[in-house]
């Protein structure tokens, strides 16, 4: 079944269509297919089940998802594009947070210092930023900061975005332009403030739901690979491959979670108080006494 569907997708790609061309661009992006040739090592998180494999193939080739409800719990008609954009269930935030946390761990492993998740920016005290789109809030935060990425002691700030490449606003653009658009949006909001107030560097880490990374992200992870290779004694080629594998499996797992993950009402938790716990202990003591 899978081989037949892939052959159909290849033929449709060759017959030129906007959607098919876009899927081909995503599959051909640098490192986006590395997970297919990765050994299933559980200790590194390189293991997926057959349902996740089928679902991610459906996303990559534009197949129709099978076995999913026609109506999303949010009330809208369900589709692959909607599942990847729907905020219900928190899966959009999951994609962002998982990539953020993985990158922070990579910075630690590479020997960077002062690695912080969600660092608070210095408040403005009279400084004037030229761009009207710049974030001037006193409680502004970015996603990750680390020292020693580009030069010893200097601080680098990162902000992440994992966008739905199937959404109409993104699918209507070539992949390279879509990535550049999201990078520019991040830069217009934070770059000037980081440069002028923090006296640091800023890198937007932009990625699509199919694992295509923007140029700024590629340069950043290459530098992390250089630092990690120098620290561990491994070759650069081996190290950058390892980093790309971890990144792709992170994107893969959080993307497929959006397709079939639970999006219903939250489960109500039972909040036990001290009285309940004391009664439980008294009951247990009486039980043991008899």
C-alpha atoms as a PDB file:
ATOM      1  CA  UNK A   1       0.000   0.000   0.000  1.00  0.00           C
ATOM      2  CA  UNK A   2       2.704   2.449   1.009  1.00  0.00           C
ATOM      3  CA  UNK A   3       4.877   1.775  -2.067  1.00  0.00           C
ATOM      4  CA  UNK A   4       1.865   2.313  -4.331  1.00  0.00           C
ATOM      5  CA  UNK A   5       1.001   5.616  -2.646  1.00  0.00           C
ATOM      6  CA  UNK A   6       4.618   6.821  -2.894  1.00  0.00           C
ATOM      7  CA  UNK A   7       4.748   6.000  -6.620  1.00  0.00           C
ATOM      8  CA  UNK A   8       1.521   7.943  -7.106  1.00  0.00           C
ATOM      9  CA  UNK A   9       2.976  10.892  -5.205  1.00  0.00           C
ATOM     10  CA  UNK A  10       6.159  10.859  -7.302  1.00  0.00           C
ATOM     11  CA  UNK A  11       4.167  10.801 -10.534  1.00  0.00           C
ATOM     12  CA  UNK A  12       1.928  13.657  -9.360  1.00  0.00           C
ATOM     13  CA  UNK A  13       5.017  15.668  -8.363  1.00  0.00           C
ATOM     14  CA  UNK A  14       6.432  15.271 -11.855  1.00  0.00           C
ATOM     15  CA  UNK A  15       3.125  16.402 -13.348  1.00  0.00           C
ATOM     16  CA  UNK A  16       3.563  19.817 -11.690  1.00  0.00           C
ATOM     17  CA  UNK A  17       1.065  21.020  -9.173  1.00  0.00           C
ATOM     18  CA  UNK A  18       1.469  23.716  -6.540  1.00  0.00           C
ATOM     19  CA  UNK A  19       0.765  21.426  -3.583  1.00  0.00           C
ATOM     20  CA  UNK A  20       2.884  18.598  -4.976  1.00  0.00           C
ATOM     21  CA  UNK A  21       5.805  20.937  -5.669  1.00  0.00           C
ATOM     22  CA  UNK A  22       5.631  22.272  -2.136  1.00  0.00           C
ATOM     23  CA  UNK A  23       5.701  18.782  -0.642  1.00  0.00           C
ATOM     24  CA  UNK A  24       8.710  18.003  -2.839  1.00  0.00           C
ATOM     25  CA  UNK A  25      10.472  21.149  -1.607  1.00  0.00           C
ATOM     26  CA  UNK A  26       9.897  20.100   1.990  1.00  0.00           C
ATOM     27  CA  UNK A  27      11.174  16.566   1.418  1.00  0.00           C
ATOM     28  CA  UNK A  28      14.259  17.860  -0.395  1.00  0.00           C
ATOM     29  CA  UNK A  29      15.170  20.367   2.329  1.00  0.00           C
ATOM     30  CA  UNK A  30      18.571  19.910   3.938  1.00  0.00           C
ATOM     31  CA  UNK A  31      18.402  17.181   6.586  1.00  0.00           C
ATOM     32  CA  UNK A  32      14.625  16.768   6.370  1.00  0.00           C
ATOM     33  CA  UNK A  33      14.860  13.105   5.364  1.00  0.00           C
ATOM     34  CA  UNK A  34      17.751  12.058   7.609  1.00  0.00           C
ATOM     35  CA  UNK A  35      15.396  10.284  10.017  1.00  0.00           C
ATOM     36  CA  UNK A  36      14.661   7.672   7.334  1.00  0.00           C
ATOM     37  CA  UNK A  37      18.258   6.368   7.476  1.00  0.00           C
ATOM     38  CA  UNK A  38      18.684   6.610  11.263  1.00  0.00           C
ATOM     39  CA  UNK A  39      19.116   3.521  13.416  1.00  0.00           C
ATOM     40  CA  UNK A  40      16.211   3.118  15.902  1.00  0.00           C
ATOM     41  CA  UNK A  41      18.206   3.848  19.069  1.00  0.00           C
ATOM     42  CA  UNK A  42      15.828   4.272  21.984  1.00  0.00           C
ATOM     43  CA  UNK A  43      18.365   6.024  24.252  1.00  0.00           C
ATOM     44  CA  UNK A  44      18.569   8.878  21.738  1.00  0.00           C
ATOM     45  CA  UNK A  45      14.822   9.051  21.094  1.00  0.00           C
ATOM     46  CA  UNK A  46      15.123   7.663  17.560  1.00  0.00           C
ATOM     47  CA  UNK A  47      12.210   5.217  17.888  1.00  0.00           C
ATOM     48  CA  UNK A  48       8.689   5.705  16.510  1.00  0.00           C
ATOM     49  CA  UNK A  49       5.790   3.299  16.154  1.00  0.00           C
ATOM     50  CA  UNK A  50       4.148   2.292  12.884  1.00  0.00           C
ATOM     51  CA  UNK A  51       1.240   4.723  13.287  1.00  0.00           C
ATOM     52  CA  UNK A  52       3.634   7.667  13.695  1.00  0.00           C
ATOM     53  CA  UNK A  53       5.586   6.477  10.659  1.00  0.00           C
ATOM     54  CA  UNK A  54       2.473   6.235   8.499  1.00  0.00           C
ATOM     55  CA  UNK A  55       1.154   9.605   9.689  1.00  0.00           C
ATOM     56  CA  UNK A  56       4.401  11.426   8.987  1.00  0.00           C
ATOM     57  CA  UNK A  57       4.551   9.858   5.544  1.00  0.00           C
ATOM     58  CA  UNK A  58       1.026  11.138   4.958  1.00  0.00           C
ATOM     59  CA  UNK A  59       2.162  14.642   5.899  1.00  0.00           C
ATOM     60  CA  UNK A  60       5.272  14.433   3.703  1.00  0.00           C
ATOM     61  CA  UNK A  61       3.454  13.162   0.604  1.00  0.00           C
ATOM     62  CA  UNK A  62       0.066  14.803   1.059  1.00  0.00           C
ATOM     63  CA  UNK A  63      -1.862  11.584   1.623  1.00  0.00           C
ATOM     64  CA  UNK A  64      -5.271  11.658   3.256  1.00  0.00           C
ATOM     65  CA  UNK A  65      -5.227  10.709   6.929  1.00  0.00           C
ATOM     66  CA  UNK A  66      -7.225   7.640   7.807  1.00  0.00           C
ATOM     67  CA  UNK A  67      -9.005   6.911  11.073  1.00  0.00           C
ATOM     68  CA  UNK A  68      -9.315  10.507  12.304  1.00  0.00           C
ATOM     69  CA  UNK A  69     -12.645  12.200  13.141  1.00  0.00           C
ATOM     70  CA  UNK A  70     -14.185  14.446  10.496  1.00  0.00           C
ATOM     71  CA  UNK A  71     -14.991  17.155  13.060  1.00  0.00           C
ATOM     72  CA  UNK A  72     -12.294  18.559  15.333  1.00  0.00           C
ATOM     73  CA  UNK A  73     -13.196  18.988  19.047  1.00  0.00           C
ATOM     74  CA  UNK A  74     -12.925  22.748  18.443  1.00  0.00           C
ATOM     75  CA  UNK A  75     -15.974  22.439  16.171  1.00  0.00           C
ATOM     76  CA  UNK A  76     -14.312  22.987  12.803  1.00  0.00           C
ATOM     77  CA  UNK A  77     -13.961  20.521   9.950  1.00  0.00           C
ATOM     78  CA  UNK A  78     -10.927  18.354  10.558  1.00  0.00           C
ATOM     79  CA  UNK A  79      -8.102  18.102   8.036  1.00  0.00           C
ATOM     80  CA  UNK A  80      -4.355  17.695   8.077  1.00  0.00           C
ATOM     81  CA  UNK A  81      -3.833  21.434   7.692  1.00  0.00           C
ATOM     82  CA  UNK A  82      -6.313  22.189  10.480  1.00  0.00           C
ATOM     83  CA  UNK A  83      -4.842  19.572  12.835  1.00  0.00           C
ATOM     84  CA  UNK A  84      -1.413  21.173  12.554  1.00  0.00           C
ATOM     85  CA  UNK A  85      -2.800  24.660  13.282  1.00  0.00           C
ATOM     86  CA  UNK A  86      -5.512  23.952  15.865  1.00  0.00           C
ATOM     87  CA  UNK A  87      -4.604  25.432  19.242  1.00  0.00           C
ATOM     88  CA  UNK A  88      -6.852  23.027  21.139  1.00  0.00           C
ATOM     89  CA  UNK A  89      -4.860  20.424  23.028  1.00  0.00           C
ATOM     90  CA  UNK A  90      -1.700  22.548  23.236  1.00  0.00           C
ATOM     91  CA  UNK A  91       0.150  20.766  20.427  1.00  0.00           C
ATOM     92  CA  UNK A  92       1.231  23.998  18.727  1.00  0.00           C
ATOM     93  CA  UNK A  93       2.994  24.996  21.953  1.00  0.00           C
ATOM     94  CA  UNK A  94       4.372  21.463  22.316  1.00  0.00           C
ATOM     95  CA  UNK A  95       6.202  21.728  18.985  1.00  0.00           C
ATOM     96  CA  UNK A  96       7.721  25.037  20.003  1.00  0.00           C
ATOM     97  CA  UNK A  97       8.676  24.016  23.547  1.00  0.00           C
ATOM     98  CA  UNK A  98      10.187  20.661  22.604  1.00  0.00           C
ATOM     99  CA  UNK A  99      12.474  22.246  20.008  1.00  0.00           C
ATOM    100  CA  UNK A 100      13.389  25.006  22.470  1.00  0.00           C
ATOM    101  CA  UNK A 101      14.293  22.549  25.230  1.00  0.00           C
ATOM    102  CA  UNK A 102      16.256  20.300  22.867  1.00  0.00           C
ATOM    103  CA  UNK A 103      18.296  23.267  21.646  1.00  0.00           C
ATOM    104  CA  UNK A 104      19.022  24.351  25.216  1.00  0.00           C
ATOM    105  CA  UNK A 105      20.271  20.816  25.948  1.00  0.00           C
ATOM    106  CA  UNK A 106      22.462  20.897  22.845  1.00  0.00           C
ATOM    107  CA  UNK A 107      23.991  24.163  24.030  1.00  0.00           C
ATOM    108  CA  UNK A 108      24.764  22.523  27.390  1.00  0.00           C
ATOM    109  CA  UNK A 109      26.310  19.497  25.683  1.00  0.00           C
ATOM    110  CA  UNK A 110      28.426  21.743  23.452  1.00  0.00           C
ATOM    111  CA  UNK A 111      29.961  23.446  26.471  1.00  0.00           C
ATOM    112  CA  UNK A 112      28.110  26.768  26.353  1.00  0.00           C
ATOM    113  CA  UNK A 113      27.765  28.590  29.660  1.00  0.00           C
ATOM    114  CA  UNK A 114      24.879  30.413  31.316  1.00  0.00           C
ATOM    115  CA  UNK A 115      22.286  28.527  29.251  1.00  0.00           C
ATOM    116  CA  UNK A 116      18.862  29.866  30.220  1.00  0.00           C
ATOM    117  CA  UNK A 117      15.357  29.018  29.057  1.00  0.00           C
ATOM    118  CA  UNK A 118      13.002  32.002  28.682  1.00  0.00           C
ATOM    119  CA  UNK A 119      15.528  34.672  29.757  1.00  0.00           C
ATOM    120  CA  UNK A 120      14.123  38.087  30.601  1.00  0.00           C
ATOM    121  CA  UNK A 121      15.464  40.992  28.527  1.00  0.00           C
ATOM    122  CA  UNK A 122      16.892  44.107  30.144  1.00  0.00           C
ATOM    123  CA  UNK A 123      14.201  46.792  30.554  1.00  0.00           C
ATOM    124  CA  UNK A 124      14.418  49.935  28.448  1.00  0.00           C
ATOM    125  CA  UNK A 125      15.634  52.990  30.379  1.00  0.00           C
ATOM    126  CA  UNK A 126      15.347  55.763  27.823  1.00  0.00           C
ATOM    127  CA  UNK A 127      16.641  53.855  24.813  1.00  0.00           C
ATOM    128  CA  UNK A 128      14.738  54.473  21.577  1.00  0.00           C
ATOM    129  CA  UNK A 129      14.306  51.704  19.044  1.00  0.00           C
ATOM    130  CA  UNK A 130      13.933  52.692  15.387  1.00  0.00           C
ATOM    131  CA  UNK A 131      11.566  49.928  14.300  1.00  0.00           C
ATOM    132  CA  UNK A 132       7.947  50.344  15.375  1.00  0.00           C
ATOM    133  CA  UNK A 133       7.573  46.560  15.372  1.00  0.00           C
ATOM    134  CA  UNK A 134      10.279  46.153  18.038  1.00  0.00           C
ATOM    135  CA  UNK A 135       9.202  44.690  21.366  1.00  0.00           C
ATOM    136  CA  UNK A 136       9.582  47.401  24.021  1.00  0.00           C
ATOM    137  CA  UNK A 137       7.817  45.660  26.912  1.00  0.00           C
ATOM    138  CA  UNK A 138       9.727  45.645  30.191  1.00  0.00           C
ATOM    139  CA  UNK A 139       8.795  42.005  30.818  1.00  0.00           C
ATOM    140  CA  UNK A 140       9.860  40.819  27.348  1.00  0.00           C
ATOM    141  CA  UNK A 141      11.423  37.364  27.174  1.00  0.00           C
ATOM    142  CA  UNK A 142      13.123  35.257  24.534  1.00  0.00           C
ATOM    143  CA  UNK A 143      13.255  31.470  24.378  1.00  0.00           C
ATOM    144  CA  UNK A 144      16.903  30.589  25.051  1.00  0.00           C
ATOM    145  CA  UNK A 145      20.135  32.417  25.816  1.00  0.00           C
ATOM    146  CA  UNK A 146      23.662  31.015  26.048  1.00  0.00           C
ATOM    147  CA  UNK A 147      27.220  32.307  26.319  1.00  0.00           C
ATOM    148  CA  UNK A 148      30.079  31.106  24.160  1.00  0.00           C
ATOM    149  CA  UNK A 149      28.204  30.186  20.990  1.00  0.00           C
ATOM    150  CA  UNK A 150      29.989  32.528  18.591  1.00  0.00           C
ATOM    151  CA  UNK A 151      32.771  33.824  20.842  1.00  0.00           C
ATOM    152  CA  UNK A 152      33.826  33.123  24.457  1.00  0.00           C
ATOM    153  CA  UNK A 153      31.784  35.056  26.992  1.00  0.00           C
ATOM    154  CA  UNK A 154      29.452  36.716  24.508  1.00  0.00           C
ATOM    155  CA  UNK A 155      25.737  36.048  24.840  1.00  0.00           C
ATOM    156  CA  UNK A 156      23.434  34.787  22.120  1.00  0.00           C
ATOM    157  CA  UNK A 157      19.632  34.960  22.274  1.00  0.00           C
ATOM    158  CA  UNK A 158      17.369  32.571  20.386  1.00  0.00           C
ATOM    159  CA  UNK A 159      13.679  32.713  19.575  1.00  0.00           C
ATOM    160  CA  UNK A 160      11.835  29.774  18.020  1.00  0.00           C
ATOM    161  CA  UNK A 161       8.982  29.300  15.606  1.00  0.00           C
ATOM    162  CA  UNK A 162       7.684  26.005  14.182  1.00  0.00           C
ATOM    163  CA  UNK A 163       5.156  27.006  11.541  1.00  0.00           C
ATOM    164  CA  UNK A 164       2.552  24.926   9.739  1.00  0.00           C
ATOM    165  CA  UNK A 165       3.863  24.656   6.202  1.00  0.00           C
ATOM    166  CA  UNK A 166       0.450  23.488   4.951  1.00  0.00           C
ATOM    167  CA  UNK A 167      -1.379  26.625   6.102  1.00  0.00           C
ATOM    168  CA  UNK A 168      -2.565  28.767   3.149  1.00  0.00           C
ATOM    169  CA  UNK A 169      -0.392  31.754   4.114  1.00  0.00           C
ATOM    170  CA  UNK A 170       2.703  29.533   4.037  1.00  0.00           C
ATOM    171  CA  UNK A 171       1.792  27.080   1.280  1.00  0.00           C
ATOM    172  CA  UNK A 172       1.252  29.937  -1.200  1.00  0.00           C
ATOM    173  CA  UNK A 173       4.946  30.875  -0.908  1.00  0.00           C
ATOM    174  CA  UNK A 174       8.028  28.958  -2.040  1.00  0.00           C
ATOM    175  CA  UNK A 175       9.609  27.213   0.923  1.00  0.00           C
ATOM    176  CA  UNK A 176      12.684  29.437   0.965  1.00  0.00           C
ATOM    177  CA  UNK A 177      10.562  32.602   0.999  1.00  0.00           C
ATOM    178  CA  UNK A 178       8.279  31.219   3.724  1.00  0.00           C
ATOM    179  CA  UNK A 179      11.266  30.480   5.960  1.00  0.00           C
ATOM    180  CA  UNK A 180      12.760  33.904   5.260  1.00  0.00           C
ATOM    181  CA  UNK A 181       9.430  35.607   6.017  1.00  0.00           C
ATOM    182  CA  UNK A 182       9.224  34.049   9.474  1.00  0.00           C
ATOM    183  CA  UNK A 183      12.879  34.850  10.193  1.00  0.00           C
ATOM    184  CA  UNK A 184      12.353  38.495   9.228  1.00  0.00           C
ATOM    185  CA  UNK A 185       9.286  38.722  11.482  1.00  0.00           C
ATOM    186  CA  UNK A 186      11.350  37.549  14.447  1.00  0.00           C
ATOM    187  CA  UNK A 187      14.175  39.940  13.607  1.00  0.00           C
ATOM    188  CA  UNK A 188      11.872  42.941  13.328  1.00  0.00           C
ATOM    189  CA  UNK A 189      10.565  42.253  16.832  1.00  0.00           C
ATOM    190  CA  UNK A 190      13.776  41.385  18.720  1.00  0.00           C
ATOM    191  CA  UNK A 191      16.977  41.928  16.726  1.00  0.00           C
ATOM    192  CA  UNK A 192      17.396  45.671  17.319  1.00  0.00           C
ATOM    193  CA  UNK A 193      16.697  45.411  21.044  1.00  0.00           C
ATOM    194  CA  UNK A 194      19.143  42.551  21.524  1.00  0.00           C
ATOM    195  CA  UNK A 195      21.871  44.349  19.568  1.00  0.00           C
ATOM    196  CA  UNK A 196      21.422  47.815  21.070  1.00  0.00           C
ATOM    197  CA  UNK A 197      20.340  47.081  24.648  1.00  0.00           C
ATOM    198  CA  UNK A 198      21.681  43.614  25.427  1.00  0.00           C
ATOM    199  CA  UNK A 199      24.848  44.124  23.329  1.00  0.00           C
ATOM    200  CA  UNK A 200      24.452  40.523  22.235  1.00  0.00           C
ATOM    201  CA  UNK A 201      23.579  38.561  19.103  1.00  0.00           C
ATOM    202  CA  UNK A 202      20.175  37.258  18.068  1.00  0.00           C
ATOM    203  CA  UNK A 203      19.339  34.193  15.981  1.00  0.00           C
ATOM    204  CA  UNK A 204      15.786  33.290  14.964  1.00  0.00           C
ATOM    205  CA  UNK A 205      15.341  29.504  14.819  1.00  0.00           C
ATOM    206  CA  UNK A 206      12.577  28.887  12.275  1.00  0.00           C
ATOM    207  CA  UNK A 207      11.410  25.449  11.229  1.00  0.00           C
ATOM    208  CA  UNK A 208       8.487  23.975   9.298  1.00  0.00           C
ATOM    209  CA  UNK A 209       6.369  21.074  10.505  1.00  0.00           C
ATOM    210  CA  UNK A 210       8.166  18.896   7.942  1.00  0.00           C
ATOM    211  CA  UNK A 211      11.616  19.644   9.316  1.00  0.00           C
ATOM    212  CA  UNK A 212      12.861  22.346   6.924  1.00  0.00           C
ATOM    213  CA  UNK A 213      15.013  24.859   8.816  1.00  0.00           C
ATOM    214  CA  UNK A 214      15.778  28.455   7.906  1.00  0.00           C
ATOM    215  CA  UNK A 215      19.283  29.672   7.078  1.00  0.00           C
ATOM    216  CA  UNK A 216      19.754  31.376  10.457  1.00  0.00           C
ATOM    217  CA  UNK A 217      18.921  28.124  12.246  1.00  0.00           C
ATOM    218  CA  UNK A 218      21.223  26.118   9.972  1.00  0.00           C
ATOM    219  CA  UNK A 219      24.142  28.461  10.739  1.00  0.00           C
ATOM    220  CA  UNK A 220      23.443  28.257  14.462  1.00  0.00           C
ATOM    221  CA  UNK A 221      23.292  24.451  14.609  1.00  0.00           C
ATOM    222  CA  UNK A 222      26.450  24.225  12.496  1.00  0.00           C
ATOM    223  CA  UNK A 223      28.251  26.319  15.096  1.00  0.00           C
ATOM    224  CA  UNK A 224      26.899  24.101  17.879  1.00  0.00           C
ATOM    225  CA  UNK A 225      28.212  21.101  15.925  1.00  0.00           C
ATOM    226  CA  UNK A 226      31.669  22.698  15.751  1.00  0.00           C
ATOM    227  CA  UNK A 227      31.703  23.280  19.520  1.00  0.00           C
ATOM    228  CA  UNK A 228      30.389  19.794  20.285  1.00  0.00           C
ATOM    229  CA  UNK A 229      32.883  18.148  17.918  1.00  0.00           C
ATOM    230  CA  UNK A 230      35.785  20.016  19.558  1.00  0.00           C
ATOM    231  CA  UNK A 231      34.553  18.970  22.996  1.00  0.00           C
ATOM    232  CA  UNK A 232      33.943  15.281  22.246  1.00  0.00           C
ATOM    233  CA  UNK A 233      36.719  14.669  19.716  1.00  0.00           C
ATOM    234  CA  UNK A 234      34.262  13.459  17.086  1.00  0.00           C
ATOM    235  CA  UNK A 235      34.427  14.666  13.495  1.00  0.00           C
ATOM    236  CA  UNK A 236      32.253  17.587  12.417  1.00  0.00           C
ATOM    237  CA  UNK A 237      30.430  15.407   9.877  1.00  0.00           C
ATOM    238  CA  UNK A 238      29.454  12.857  12.523  1.00  0.00           C
ATOM    239  CA  UNK A 239      28.399  15.550  14.976  1.00  0.00           C
ATOM    240  CA  UNK A 240      26.233  17.583  12.597  1.00  0.00           C
ATOM    241  CA  UNK A 241      24.524  14.388  11.464  1.00  0.00           C
ATOM    242  CA  UNK A 242      23.763  13.506  15.090  1.00  0.00           C
ATOM    243  CA  UNK A 243      22.339  16.979  15.741  1.00  0.00           C
ATOM    244  CA  UNK A 244      20.174  16.841  12.622  1.00  0.00           C
ATOM    245  CA  UNK A 245      18.861  13.434  13.645  1.00  0.00           C
ATOM    246  CA  UNK A 246      17.808  14.719  17.064  1.00  0.00           C
ATOM    247  CA  UNK A 247      16.190  17.788  15.547  1.00  0.00           C
ATOM    248  CA  UNK A 248      14.251  15.826  12.948  1.00  0.00           C
ATOM    249  CA  UNK A 249      12.903  13.286  15.425  1.00  0.00           C
ATOM    250  CA  UNK A 250      11.848  16.138  17.707  1.00  0.00           C
ATOM    251  CA  UNK A 251       9.892  17.778  14.870  1.00  0.00           C
ATOM    252  CA  UNK A 252       8.514  14.432  13.676  1.00  0.00           C
ATOM    253  CA  UNK A 253       7.110  13.338  17.032  1.00  0.00           C
ATOM    254  CA  UNK A 254       5.522  16.672  17.870  1.00  0.00           C
ATOM    255  CA  UNK A 255       4.034  17.009  14.376  1.00  0.00           C
ATOM    256  CA  UNK A 256       2.332  13.598  14.384  1.00  0.00           C
ATOM    257  CA  UNK A 257       1.113  14.251  17.930  1.00  0.00           C
ATOM    258  CA  UNK A 258      -0.922  17.133  16.493  1.00  0.00           C
ATOM    259  CA  UNK A 259      -2.729  14.776  14.124  1.00  0.00           C
ATOM    260  CA  UNK A 260      -4.097  12.213  16.581  1.00  0.00           C
ATOM    261  CA  UNK A 261      -3.413  13.710  20.002  1.00  0.00           C
ATOM    262  CA  UNK A 262      -6.257  14.181  22.481  1.00  0.00           C
ATOM    263  CA  UNK A 263      -7.967  17.554  21.993  1.00  0.00           C
ATOM    264  CA  UNK A 264     -11.052  17.085  24.134  1.00  0.00           C
ATOM    265  CA  UNK A 265     -11.888  18.666  27.463  1.00  0.00           C
ATOM    266  CA  UNK A 266      -9.209  18.550  30.123  1.00  0.00           C
ATOM    267  CA  UNK A 267      -9.457  15.802  32.699  1.00  0.00           C
ATOM    268  CA  UNK A 268     -10.461  17.115  36.122  1.00  0.00           C
ATOM    269  CA  UNK A 269      -7.858  16.283  38.713  1.00  0.00           C
ATOM    270  CA  UNK A 270      -8.769  15.238  42.213  1.00  0.00           C
ATOM    271  CA  UNK A 271      -7.087  17.655  44.625  1.00  0.00           C
ATOM    272  CA  UNK A 272      -6.476  15.851  47.895  1.00  0.00           C
ATOM    273  CA  UNK A 273      -6.072  18.029  50.984  1.00  0.00           C
ATOM    274  CA  UNK A 274      -4.373  17.235  54.285  1.00  0.00           C
ATOM    275  CA  UNK A 275      -7.628  16.021  55.871  1.00  0.00           C
ATOM    276  CA  UNK A 276      -8.059  13.410  53.144  1.00  0.00           C
ATOM    277  CA  UNK A 277      -4.482  12.207  53.608  1.00  0.00           C
ATOM    278  CA  UNK A 278      -4.850  12.016  57.399  1.00  0.00           C
ATOM    279  CA  UNK A 279      -8.046   9.978  57.061  1.00  0.00           C
ATOM    280  CA  UNK A 280      -6.268   7.640  54.659  1.00  0.00           C
ATOM    281  CA  UNK A 281      -3.414   7.094  57.088  1.00  0.00           C
ATOM    282  CA  UNK A 282      -5.843   6.458  59.966  1.00  0.00           C
ATOM    283  CA  UNK A 283      -7.732   3.914  57.841  1.00  0.00           C
ATOM    284  CA  UNK A 284      -4.501   2.129  56.916  1.00  0.00           C
ATOM    285  CA  UNK A 285      -3.397   2.009  60.571  1.00  0.00           C
ATOM    286  CA  UNK A 286      -6.758   0.547  61.623  1.00  0.00           C
ATOM    287  CA  UNK A 287      -6.547  -2.038  58.849  1.00  0.00           C
ATOM    288  CA  UNK A 288      -3.088  -3.172  59.921  1.00  0.00           C
ATOM    289  CA  UNK A 289      -4.192  -3.250  63.585  1.00  0.00           C
ATOM    290  CA  UNK A 290      -6.864  -5.856  62.795  1.00  0.00           C
END
